[in-house]
Amino acid sequence: MAITANDVKKLREMTGVGMMDCKKALAEAEGDMDKAIELLREKGLAASQKKAGRIAAEGMAYAAVIDGVGVVVEVNAETDFVAKNEKFVDFVKGAAATVAANKPADLDALMACRYAGSDLTVTEQQQEMVLVIGENIKVRRFAFFTDGVCVPYIHAGGKIGVLVNLDTDLTAEQVETVGKDVAMQIAALNPRFWDKTQVTQDVLDEEKKIMLVQMANDPKMASKPDKVKENIVMGKLNKFYSENCLLQQEFVKDNTTTVEKYVAASAKALGGTITFKNAVRFEKGEGIEKKQENFAEEIAKQLGK
């Protein structure tokens, strides 16, 4: 019996198993769908569908410049051990290459793209990886820049991925050190804003409100004139900028200057211009609620107790 692409697709949708394994099972079952499902279950492959529901909060954040496009992606797995697996790392890099080649509008669009160097879609390649690795694997998010000069930075083997986007008349090689230094600052301090001009009025009003309440609750400050309090608040807002805004932050590699001044001084020394435009910082697993397992209970379950 001839096996069609629709048969393979249907079996894959029913079992969650990768396309190639579905094709082999259908061939072995001579096109019998029920028998093919039974064969996959016997091989333990159909269980991969169950893996898709498991929490994947580990994995890898990866940043790179590919064919002139700056890309940062996060791909999750269930354990940190798998995140170090060579095949998993290759899958992450392939996902980044797919983003660079296709520039998808969103995650759904990316998952429908042809995975780099393959006839499979990203979704299908991800399903294949679930079978190969034995854990739930999920491409979670991505971002890219096509303009300017991008400098990538990967911290701690993929715990954090940062992509810095610069506007410059210098070459990528000339600004690499500056970009990496700024990326390391972002990785370490995770600023809320890039520049103080991005701080909205509602954020400033909230900060002022908190500061005034703190002064009202301080016996030494409560009796001071309103004008004095206002001057104190303005001074504290400058501190807020220096703590929360990247360009106004104290430069971690030289606490005598700010990030903004460091970039300007570096541009002058190189004989060109460098302007920080944007950046993306992905930290693996951030915002994902990790399931807390009781180790003793887990062992008991496995032993059937």
C-alpha atoms as a PDB file:
ATOM      1  CA  MET A   1       0.000   0.000   0.000  1.00  0.00           C
ATOM      2  CA  ALA A   2       1.337   3.427  -0.999  1.00  0.00           C
ATOM      3  CA  ILE A   3       2.023   5.728   1.957  1.00  0.00           C
ATOM      4  CA  THR A   4       1.175   9.390   1.359  1.00  0.00           C
ATOM      5  CA  ALA A   5       2.510  12.532   3.005  1.00  0.00           C
ATOM      6  CA  ASN A   6      -0.967  13.070   4.483  1.00  0.00           C
ATOM      7  CA  ASP A   7      -0.794   9.644   6.157  1.00  0.00           C
ATOM      8  CA  VAL A   8       2.531  10.567   7.759  1.00  0.00           C
ATOM      9  CA  LYS A   9       1.169  13.952   8.836  1.00  0.00           C
ATOM     10  CA  LYS A  10      -1.945  12.377  10.354  1.00  0.00           C
ATOM     11  CA  LEU A  11       0.096   9.824  12.327  1.00  0.00           C
ATOM     12  CA  ARG A  12       2.444  12.556  13.561  1.00  0.00           C
ATOM     13  CA  GLU A  13      -0.513  14.650  14.757  1.00  0.00           C
ATOM     14  CA  MET A  14      -2.038  11.624  16.521  1.00  0.00           C
ATOM     15  CA  THR A  15       1.129  10.566  18.326  1.00  0.00           C
ATOM     16  CA  GLY A  16       3.375  13.614  18.533  1.00  0.00           C
ATOM     17  CA  VAL A  17       6.167  11.462  17.097  1.00  0.00           C
ATOM     18  CA  GLY A  18       8.684  12.817  14.550  1.00  0.00           C
ATOM     19  CA  MET A  19       7.968  12.594  10.843  1.00  0.00           C
ATOM     20  CA  MET A  20      10.706  10.101   9.935  1.00  0.00           C
ATOM     21  CA  ASP A  21       9.676   7.652  12.665  1.00  0.00           C
ATOM     22  CA  CYS A  22       6.042   7.922  11.572  1.00  0.00           C
ATOM     23  CA  LYS A  23       7.032   7.173   7.995  1.00  0.00           C
ATOM     24  CA  LYS A  24       9.014   4.086   9.068  1.00  0.00           C
ATOM     25  CA  ALA A  25       6.155   2.840  11.264  1.00  0.00           C
ATOM     26  CA  LEU A  26       3.619   3.198   8.446  1.00  0.00           C
ATOM     27  CA  ALA A  27       5.922   1.349   6.064  1.00  0.00           C
ATOM     28  CA  GLU A  28       6.369  -1.463   8.571  1.00  0.00           C
ATOM     29  CA  ALA A  29       2.598  -1.563   9.197  1.00  0.00           C
ATOM     30  CA  GLU A  30       1.922  -1.536   5.450  1.00  0.00           C
ATOM     31  CA  GLY A  31      -0.180   1.615   5.792  1.00  0.00           C
ATOM     32  CA  ASP A  32      -2.341   0.373   8.681  1.00  0.00           C
ATOM     33  CA  MET A  33      -2.722   3.444  10.937  1.00  0.00           C
ATOM     34  CA  ASP A  34      -3.733   1.539  14.092  1.00  0.00           C
ATOM     35  CA  LYS A  35      -0.880  -0.919  13.694  1.00  0.00           C
ATOM     36  CA  ALA A  36       1.562   1.959  13.107  1.00  0.00           C
ATOM     37  CA  ILE A  37       0.443   3.598  16.361  1.00  0.00           C
ATOM     38  CA  GLU A  38       0.885   0.272  18.157  1.00  0.00           C
ATOM     39  CA  LEU A  39       4.399  -0.097  16.727  1.00  0.00           C
ATOM     40  CA  LEU A  40       5.350   3.399  17.873  1.00  0.00           C
ATOM     41  CA  ARG A  41       4.033   2.672  21.345  1.00  0.00           C
ATOM     42  CA  GLU A  42       5.972  -0.579  21.483  1.00  0.00           C
ATOM     43  CA  LYS A  43       9.131   1.329  20.634  1.00  0.00           C
ATOM     44  CA  GLY A  44       8.348   3.892  23.308  1.00  0.00           C
ATOM     45  CA  LEU A  45       8.252   6.688  20.759  1.00  0.00           C
ATOM     46  CA  ALA A  46       4.626   7.714  21.167  1.00  0.00           C
ATOM     47  CA  ALA A  47       5.468   8.650  24.748  1.00  0.00           C
ATOM     48  CA  SER A  48       7.148  11.764  23.329  1.00  0.00           C
ATOM     49  CA  GLN A  49       3.685  13.312  23.178  1.00  0.00           C
ATOM     50  CA  LYS A  50       3.559  13.180  26.971  1.00  0.00           C
ATOM     51  CA  LYS A  51       6.898  14.991  27.176  1.00  0.00           C
ATOM     52  CA  ALA A  52       5.364  18.031  25.510  1.00  0.00           C
ATOM     53  CA  GLY A  53       3.388  18.780  28.686  1.00  0.00           C
ATOM     54  CA  ARG A  54       6.394  18.761  30.986  1.00  0.00           C
ATOM     55  CA  ILE A  55       7.869  22.019  32.225  1.00  0.00           C
ATOM     56  CA  ALA A  56      10.955  23.110  30.312  1.00  0.00           C
ATOM     57  CA  ALA A  57      12.669  25.915  32.229  1.00  0.00           C
ATOM     58  CA  GLU A  58      16.311  25.085  31.578  1.00  0.00           C
ATOM     59  CA  GLY A  59      17.983  25.255  28.182  1.00  0.00           C
ATOM     60  CA  MET A  60      20.021  27.930  26.488  1.00  0.00           C
ATOM     61  CA  ALA A  61      19.988  31.583  25.490  1.00  0.00           C
ATOM     62  CA  TYR A  62      22.093  32.110  22.380  1.00  0.00           C
ATOM     63  CA  ALA A  63      23.175  35.235  20.490  1.00  0.00           C
ATOM     64  CA  ALA A  64      25.039  35.514  17.191  1.00  0.00           C
ATOM     65  CA  VAL A  65      25.468  37.583  14.048  1.00  0.00           C
ATOM     66  CA  ILE A  66      24.551  35.423  11.033  1.00  0.00           C
ATOM     67  CA  ASP A  67      24.903  36.762   7.493  1.00  0.00           C
ATOM     68  CA  GLY A  68      24.781  40.315   8.823  1.00  0.00           C
ATOM     69  CA  VAL A  69      21.664  39.753  10.940  1.00  0.00           C
ATOM     70  CA  GLY A  70      21.955  39.959  14.733  1.00  0.00           C
ATOM     71  CA  VAL A  71      19.915  37.184  16.362  1.00  0.00           C
ATOM     72  CA  VAL A  72      19.162  36.148  19.942  1.00  0.00           C
ATOM     73  CA  VAL A  73      17.056  33.085  20.791  1.00  0.00           C
ATOM     74  CA  GLU A  74      15.987  31.105  23.835  1.00  0.00           C
ATOM     75  CA  VAL A  75      15.325  27.379  23.567  1.00  0.00           C
ATOM     76  CA  ASN A  76      14.193  25.502  26.656  1.00  0.00           C
ATOM     77  CA  ALA A  77      14.751  21.957  27.874  1.00  0.00           C
ATOM     78  CA  GLU A  78      13.826  20.215  31.120  1.00  0.00           C
ATOM     79  CA  THR A  79      17.301  19.792  32.602  1.00  0.00           C
ATOM     80  CA  ASP A  80      20.547  21.707  32.649  1.00  0.00           C
ATOM     81  CA  PHE A  81      22.324  18.487  31.655  1.00  0.00           C
ATOM     82  CA  VAL A  82      20.555  18.375  28.294  1.00  0.00           C
ATOM     83  CA  ALA A  83      21.388  22.049  27.688  1.00  0.00           C
ATOM     84  CA  LYS A  84      25.035  20.973  27.422  1.00  0.00           C
ATOM     85  CA  ASN A  85      24.238  18.219  24.904  1.00  0.00           C
ATOM     86  CA  GLU A  86      25.978  18.854  21.564  1.00  0.00           C
ATOM     87  CA  LYS A  87      22.865  17.960  19.551  1.00  0.00           C
ATOM     88  CA  PHE A  88      20.746  20.349  21.609  1.00  0.00           C
ATOM     89  CA  VAL A  89      23.280  23.159  21.142  1.00  0.00           C
ATOM     90  CA  ASP A  90      23.323  22.488  17.392  1.00  0.00           C
ATOM     91  CA  PHE A  91      19.514  22.672  17.341  1.00  0.00           C
ATOM     92  CA  VAL A  92      19.635  26.059  19.095  1.00  0.00           C
ATOM     93  CA  LYS A  93      22.184  27.376  16.596  1.00  0.00           C
ATOM     94  CA  GLY A  94      20.046  26.067  13.741  1.00  0.00           C
ATOM     95  CA  ALA A  95      17.015  27.890  15.160  1.00  0.00           C
ATOM     96  CA  ALA A  96      19.048  31.116  15.231  1.00  0.00           C
ATOM     97  CA  ALA A  97      20.161  30.552  11.621  1.00  0.00           C
ATOM     98  CA  THR A  98      16.511  30.022  10.629  1.00  0.00           C
ATOM     99  CA  VAL A  99      15.573  33.349  12.218  1.00  0.00           C
ATOM    100  CA  ALA A 100      18.398  35.117  10.355  1.00  0.00           C
ATOM    101  CA  ALA A 101      17.399  33.585   7.023  1.00  0.00           C
ATOM    102  CA  ASN A 102      13.628  34.092   7.297  1.00  0.00           C
ATOM    103  CA  LYS A 103      13.197  37.095   9.640  1.00  0.00           C
ATOM    104  CA  PRO A 104       9.825  35.739  10.884  1.00  0.00           C
ATOM    105  CA  ALA A 105       7.201  38.087  12.286  1.00  0.00           C
ATOM    106  CA  ASP A 106       6.490  36.020  15.394  1.00  0.00           C
ATOM    107  CA  LEU A 107       7.033  32.636  17.022  1.00  0.00           C
ATOM    108  CA  ASP A 108       4.242  30.926  15.063  1.00  0.00           C
ATOM    109  CA  ALA A 109       5.800  32.127  11.826  1.00  0.00           C
ATOM    110  CA  LEU A 110       9.219  30.857  12.911  1.00  0.00           C
ATOM    111  CA  MET A 111       7.840  27.413  13.807  1.00  0.00           C
ATOM    112  CA  ALA A 112       6.349  27.155  10.304  1.00  0.00           C
ATOM    113  CA  CYS A 113       9.666  28.052   8.599  1.00  0.00           C
ATOM    114  CA  ARG A 114      11.944  25.433   7.091  1.00  0.00           C
ATOM    115  CA  TYR A 115      14.594  24.666   9.676  1.00  0.00           C
ATOM    116  CA  ALA A 116      18.063  25.674   8.434  1.00  0.00           C
ATOM    117  CA  GLY A 117      19.691  22.906   6.394  1.00  0.00           C
ATOM    118  CA  SER A 118      16.615  20.663   6.556  1.00  0.00           C
ATOM    119  CA  ASP A 119      13.416  19.832   4.703  1.00  0.00           C
ATOM    120  CA  LEU A 120      11.548  19.850   8.018  1.00  0.00           C
ATOM    121  CA  THR A 121       9.807  22.831   9.585  1.00  0.00           C
ATOM    122  CA  VAL A 122      11.122  24.148  12.891  1.00  0.00           C
ATOM    123  CA  THR A 123       8.144  22.476  14.591  1.00  0.00           C
ATOM    124  CA  GLU A 124       8.976  19.131  13.001  1.00  0.00           C
ATOM    125  CA  GLN A 125      12.675  19.463  13.804  1.00  0.00           C
ATOM    126  CA  GLN A 126      11.762  20.300  17.398  1.00  0.00           C
ATOM    127  CA  GLN A 127       9.647  17.131  17.588  1.00  0.00           C
ATOM    128  CA  GLU A 128      12.570  15.123  16.234  1.00  0.00           C
ATOM    129  CA  MET A 129      14.789  16.605  18.950  1.00  0.00           C
ATOM    130  CA  VAL A 130      12.291  15.587  21.647  1.00  0.00           C
ATOM    131  CA  LEU A 131      12.681  11.993  20.477  1.00  0.00           C
ATOM    132  CA  VAL A 132      16.467  12.156  20.176  1.00  0.00           C
ATOM    133  CA  ILE A 133      17.079  13.963  23.472  1.00  0.00           C
ATOM    134  CA  GLY A 134      14.260  12.395  25.493  1.00  0.00           C
ATOM    135  CA  GLU A 135      13.038  15.627  27.064  1.00  0.00           C
ATOM    136  CA  ASN A 136      10.504  18.309  26.272  1.00  0.00           C
ATOM    137  CA  ILE A 137      12.247  20.921  24.109  1.00  0.00           C
ATOM    138  CA  LYS A 138      10.681  24.203  23.118  1.00  0.00           C
ATOM    139  CA  VAL A 139      11.781  27.227  21.099  1.00  0.00           C
ATOM    140  CA  ARG A 140      10.469  29.955  23.377  1.00  0.00           C
ATOM    141  CA  ARG A 141      11.362  33.356  21.898  1.00  0.00           C
ATOM    142  CA  PHE A 142      13.654  35.247  19.574  1.00  0.00           C
ATOM    143  CA  ALA A 143      14.606  38.734  18.419  1.00  0.00           C
ATOM    144  CA  PHE A 144      16.740  40.120  15.628  1.00  0.00           C
ATOM    145  CA  PHE A 145      18.198  43.339  14.228  1.00  0.00           C
ATOM    146  CA  THR A 146      18.877  43.901  10.530  1.00  0.00           C
ATOM    147  CA  ASP A 147      20.230  47.474  10.766  1.00  0.00           C
ATOM    148  CA  GLY A 148      23.359  48.896  12.356  1.00  0.00           C
ATOM    149  CA  VAL A 149      26.145  46.787  13.843  1.00  0.00           C
ATOM    150  CA  CYS A 150      25.282  43.997  16.286  1.00  0.00           C
ATOM    151  CA  VAL A 151      27.533  42.546  18.952  1.00  0.00           C
ATOM    152  CA  PRO A 152      26.461  39.267  20.631  1.00  0.00           C
ATOM    153  CA  TYR A 153      27.434  38.055  24.077  1.00  0.00           C
ATOM    154  CA  ILE A 154      26.694  34.708  25.730  1.00  0.00           C
ATOM    155  CA  HIS A 155      27.166  34.470  29.487  1.00  0.00           C
ATOM    156  CA  ALA A 156      27.880  31.278  31.444  1.00  0.00           C
ATOM    157  CA  GLY A 157      27.425  28.903  28.512  1.00  0.00           C
ATOM    158  CA  GLY A 158      23.944  30.125  27.654  1.00  0.00           C
ATOM    159  CA  LYS A 159      22.452  31.229  30.975  1.00  0.00           C
ATOM    160  CA  ILE A 160      22.082  34.722  29.494  1.00  0.00           C
ATOM    161  CA  GLY A 161      22.225  35.856  25.871  1.00  0.00           C
ATOM    162  CA  VAL A 162      22.594  39.547  25.010  1.00  0.00           C
ATOM    163  CA  LEU A 163      22.498  41.234  21.627  1.00  0.00           C
ATOM    164  CA  VAL A 164      23.625  44.881  21.466  1.00  0.00           C
ATOM    165  CA  ASN A 165      22.698  47.019  18.457  1.00  0.00           C
ATOM    166  CA  LEU A 166      24.909  50.028  17.653  1.00  0.00           C
ATOM    167  CA  ASP A 167      24.714  52.838  15.109  1.00  0.00           C
ATOM    168  CA  THR A 168      28.276  53.554  13.979  1.00  0.00           C
ATOM    169  CA  ASP A 169      30.463  54.584  11.082  1.00  0.00           C
ATOM    170  CA  LEU A 170      33.135  52.135  12.259  1.00  0.00           C
ATOM    171  CA  THR A 171      33.514  48.467  11.338  1.00  0.00           C
ATOM    172  CA  ALA A 172      32.097  45.569  13.339  1.00  0.00           C
ATOM    173  CA  GLU A 173      35.644  44.572  14.313  1.00  0.00           C
ATOM    174  CA  GLN A 174      36.432  48.074  15.596  1.00  0.00           C
ATOM    175  CA  VAL A 175      33.362  48.279  17.845  1.00  0.00           C
ATOM    176  CA  GLU A 176      33.401  44.664  19.024  1.00  0.00           C
ATOM    177  CA  THR A 177      35.107  45.429  22.360  1.00  0.00           C
ATOM    178  CA  VAL A 178      32.780  48.347  23.112  1.00  0.00           C
ATOM    179  CA  GLY A 179      29.702  46.310  22.209  1.00  0.00           C
ATOM    180  CA  LYS A 180      30.813  43.345  24.289  1.00  0.00           C
ATOM    181  CA  ASP A 181      31.548  45.563  27.309  1.00  0.00           C
ATOM    182  CA  VAL A 182      28.064  47.072  27.082  1.00  0.00           C
ATOM    183  CA  ALA A 183      26.534  43.605  26.624  1.00  0.00           C
ATOM    184  CA  MET A 184      28.354  42.339  29.723  1.00  0.00           C
ATOM    185  CA  GLN A 185      27.003  45.311  31.686  1.00  0.00           C
ATOM    186  CA  ILE A 186      23.466  44.432  30.538  1.00  0.00           C
ATOM    187  CA  ALA A 187      23.978  40.755  31.406  1.00  0.00           C
ATOM    188  CA  ALA A 188      25.257  41.584  34.894  1.00  0.00           C
ATOM    189  CA  LEU A 189      22.890  44.396  35.961  1.00  0.00           C
ATOM    190  CA  ASN A 190      19.776  43.862  33.812  1.00  0.00           C
ATOM    191  CA  PRO A 191      18.785  47.559  33.686  1.00  0.00           C
ATOM    192  CA  ARG A 192      15.084  48.453  33.523  1.00  0.00           C
ATOM    193  CA  PHE A 193      15.683  51.142  30.883  1.00  0.00           C
ATOM    194  CA  TRP A 194      18.383  51.891  28.305  1.00  0.00           C
ATOM    195  CA  ASP A 195      18.325  55.656  28.816  1.00  0.00           C
ATOM    196  CA  LYS A 196      16.721  58.071  31.276  1.00  0.00           C
ATOM    197  CA  THR A 197      14.623  59.524  28.432  1.00  0.00           C
ATOM    198  CA  GLN A 198      12.724  56.216  28.376  1.00  0.00           C
ATOM    199  CA  VAL A 199      11.582  56.570  31.990  1.00  0.00           C
ATOM    200  CA  THR A 200       7.888  57.437  31.798  1.00  0.00           C
ATOM    201  CA  GLN A 201       6.187  60.086  33.904  1.00  0.00           C
ATOM    202  CA  ASP A 202       4.106  57.509  35.790  1.00  0.00           C
ATOM    203  CA  VAL A 203       7.303  55.732  36.889  1.00  0.00           C
ATOM    204  CA  LEU A 204       8.813  59.040  38.061  1.00  0.00           C
ATOM    205  CA  ASP A 205       5.594  59.989  39.889  1.00  0.00           C
ATOM    206  CA  GLU A 206       5.587  56.627  41.681  1.00  0.00           C
ATOM    207  CA  GLU A 207       9.233  57.052  42.718  1.00  0.00           C
ATOM    208  CA  LYS A 208       8.577  60.601  43.966  1.00  0.00           C
ATOM    209  CA  LYS A 209       5.552  59.391  45.931  1.00  0.00           C
ATOM    210  CA  ILE A 210       7.590  56.662  47.644  1.00  0.00           C
ATOM    211  CA  MET A 211      10.392  59.106  48.503  1.00  0.00           C
ATOM    212  CA  LEU A 212       7.991  61.669  49.977  1.00  0.00           C
ATOM    213  CA  VAL A 213       6.271  58.998  52.100  1.00  0.00           C
ATOM    214  CA  GLN A 214       9.670  57.809  53.350  1.00  0.00           C
ATOM    215  CA  MET A 215      10.567  61.384  54.348  1.00  0.00           C
ATOM    216  CA  ALA A 216       7.197  61.870  56.033  1.00  0.00           C
ATOM    217  CA  ASN A 217       7.875  58.758  58.124  1.00  0.00           C
ATOM    218  CA  ASP A 218      11.350  59.980  59.092  1.00  0.00           C
ATOM    219  CA  PRO A 219      11.175  62.339  62.129  1.00  0.00           C
ATOM    220  CA  LYS A 220      14.348  64.141  61.023  1.00  0.00           C
ATOM    221  CA  MET A 221      12.997  64.758  57.517  1.00  0.00           C
ATOM    222  CA  ALA A 222       9.307  65.378  58.214  1.00  0.00           C
ATOM    223  CA  SER A 223       9.865  68.867  59.624  1.00  0.00           C
ATOM    224  CA  LYS A 224      11.989  70.115  56.730  1.00  0.00           C
ATOM    225  CA  PRO A 225      10.513  72.714  54.314  1.00  0.00           C
ATOM    226  CA  ASP A 226       8.824  71.404  51.157  1.00  0.00           C
ATOM    227  CA  LYS A 227      11.463  73.063  48.942  1.00  0.00           C
ATOM    228  CA  VAL A 228      14.222  71.185  50.741  1.00  0.00           C
ATOM    229  CA  LYS A 229      12.279  67.944  50.365  1.00  0.00           C
ATOM    230  CA  GLU A 230      11.828  68.640  46.641  1.00  0.00           C
ATOM    231  CA  ASN A 231      15.599  69.143  46.204  1.00  0.00           C
ATOM    232  CA  ILE A 232      16.251  65.900  48.046  1.00  0.00           C
ATOM    233  CA  VAL A 233      13.771  64.090  45.796  1.00  0.00           C
ATOM    234  CA  MET A 234      15.489  65.441  42.664  1.00  0.00           C
ATOM    235  CA  GLY A 235      18.839  64.213  43.980  1.00  0.00           C
ATOM    236  CA  LYS A 236      17.374  60.786  44.651  1.00  0.00           C
ATOM    237  CA  LEU A 237      15.876  60.650  41.154  1.00  0.00           C
ATOM    238  CA  ASN A 238      19.359  61.128  39.716  1.00  0.00           C
ATOM    239  CA  LYS A 239      20.370  58.104  41.781  1.00  0.00           C
ATOM    240  CA  PHE A 240      17.357  56.237  40.388  1.00  0.00           C
ATOM    241  CA  TYR A 241      18.592  56.961  36.853  1.00  0.00           C
ATOM    242  CA  SER A 242      22.109  55.812  37.693  1.00  0.00           C
ATOM    243  CA  GLU A 243      20.792  52.534  39.114  1.00  0.00           C
ATOM    244  CA  ASN A 244      18.095  51.727  36.555  1.00  0.00           C
ATOM    245  CA  CYS A 245      19.170  53.242  33.217  1.00  0.00           C
ATOM    246  CA  LEU A 246      21.970  51.547  31.273  1.00  0.00           C
ATOM    247  CA  LEU A 247      23.625  54.629  29.789  1.00  0.00           C
ATOM    248  CA  GLN A 248      23.565  56.492  33.101  1.00  0.00           C
ATOM    249  CA  GLN A 249      24.839  53.503  35.088  1.00  0.00           C
ATOM    250  CA  GLU A 250      28.309  53.412  36.575  1.00  0.00           C
ATOM    251  CA  PHE A 251      30.453  51.420  34.138  1.00  0.00           C
ATOM    252  CA  VAL A 252      31.267  48.127  35.894  1.00  0.00           C
ATOM    253  CA  LYS A 253      34.776  47.913  34.425  1.00  0.00           C
ATOM    254  CA  ASP A 254      35.639  51.495  35.460  1.00  0.00           C
ATOM    255  CA  ASN A 255      33.578  53.018  38.266  1.00  0.00           C
ATOM    256  CA  THR A 256      34.958  56.506  37.534  1.00  0.00           C
ATOM    257  CA  THR A 257      32.748  56.848  34.457  1.00  0.00           C
ATOM    258  CA  THR A 258      29.297  55.963  33.127  1.00  0.00           C
ATOM    259  CA  VAL A 259      28.393  53.624  30.272  1.00  0.00           C
ATOM    260  CA  GLU A 260      27.391  56.624  28.150  1.00  0.00           C
ATOM    261  CA  LYS A 261      30.740  58.358  28.690  1.00  0.00           C
ATOM    262  CA  TYR A 262      32.652  55.124  28.115  1.00  0.00           C
ATOM    263  CA  VAL A 263      30.970  54.626  24.719  1.00  0.00           C
ATOM    264  CA  ALA A 264      31.659  58.256  23.728  1.00  0.00           C
ATOM    265  CA  ALA A 265      35.312  58.069  24.838  1.00  0.00           C
ATOM    266  CA  SER A 266      35.788  54.795  22.959  1.00  0.00           C
ATOM    267  CA  ALA A 267      34.310  56.277  19.769  1.00  0.00           C
ATOM    268  CA  LYS A 268      36.629  59.280  20.020  1.00  0.00           C
ATOM    269  CA  ALA A 269      39.663  57.050  20.538  1.00  0.00           C
ATOM    270  CA  LEU A 270      38.694  55.006  17.473  1.00  0.00           C
ATOM    271  CA  GLY A 271      38.147  58.110  15.372  1.00  0.00           C
ATOM    272  CA  GLY A 272      34.449  57.573  14.675  1.00  0.00           C
ATOM    273  CA  THR A 273      30.969  57.668  16.138  1.00  0.00           C
ATOM    274  CA  ILE A 274      29.173  55.013  18.188  1.00  0.00           C
ATOM    275  CA  THR A 275      25.590  55.355  19.380  1.00  0.00           C
ATOM    276  CA  PHE A 276      23.825  52.739  21.467  1.00  0.00           C
ATOM    277  CA  LYS A 277      20.502  52.023  19.722  1.00  0.00           C
ATOM    278  CA  ASN A 278      18.959  48.986  21.350  1.00  0.00           C
ATOM    279  CA  ALA A 279      19.602  45.633  22.991  1.00  0.00           C
ATOM    280  CA  VAL A 280      17.854  42.402  23.894  1.00  0.00           C
ATOM    281  CA  ARG A 281      18.628  40.358  26.996  1.00  0.00           C
ATOM    282  CA  PHE A 282      17.287  36.800  27.331  1.00  0.00           C
ATOM    283  CA  GLU A 283      17.872  34.853  30.530  1.00  0.00           C
ATOM    284  CA  LYS A 284      16.969  31.185  30.227  1.00  0.00           C
ATOM    285  CA  GLY A 285      13.829  30.221  32.090  1.00  0.00           C
ATOM    286  CA  GLU A 286      12.983  33.722  33.320  1.00  0.00           C
ATOM    287  CA  GLY A 287       9.267  33.974  34.012  1.00  0.00           C
ATOM    288  CA  ILE A 288       8.715  30.212  33.748  1.00  0.00           C
ATOM    289  CA  GLU A 289       7.319  28.659  36.904  1.00  0.00           C
ATOM    290  CA  LYS A 290       9.499  25.679  37.680  1.00  0.00           C
ATOM    291  CA  LYS A 291       7.826  22.610  39.117  1.00  0.00           C
ATOM    292  CA  GLN A 292       9.110  21.795  42.572  1.00  0.00           C
ATOM    293  CA  GLU A 293       9.568  18.064  42.918  1.00  0.00           C
ATOM    294  CA  ASN A 294       9.921  16.148  46.169  1.00  0.00           C
ATOM    295  CA  PHE A 295      12.909  13.919  45.414  1.00  0.00           C
ATOM    296  CA  ALA A 296      11.939  11.207  47.917  1.00  0.00           C
ATOM    297  CA  GLU A 297       8.389  11.080  46.539  1.00  0.00           C
ATOM    298  CA  GLU A 298       9.726  10.871  42.973  1.00  0.00           C
ATOM    299  CA  ILE A 299      11.936   7.883  43.843  1.00  0.00           C
ATOM    300  CA  ALA A 300       9.021   6.215  45.635  1.00  0.00           C
ATOM    301  CA  LYS A 301       6.860   6.664  42.527  1.00  0.00           C
ATOM    302  CA  GLN A 302       9.497   5.059  40.347  1.00  0.00           C
ATOM    303  CA  LEU A 303       9.764   2.112  42.725  1.00  0.00           C
ATOM    304  CA  GLY A 304       6.001   1.736  42.711  1.00  0.00           C
ATOM    305  CA  LYS A 305       5.640   2.384  46.417  1.00  0.00           C
END
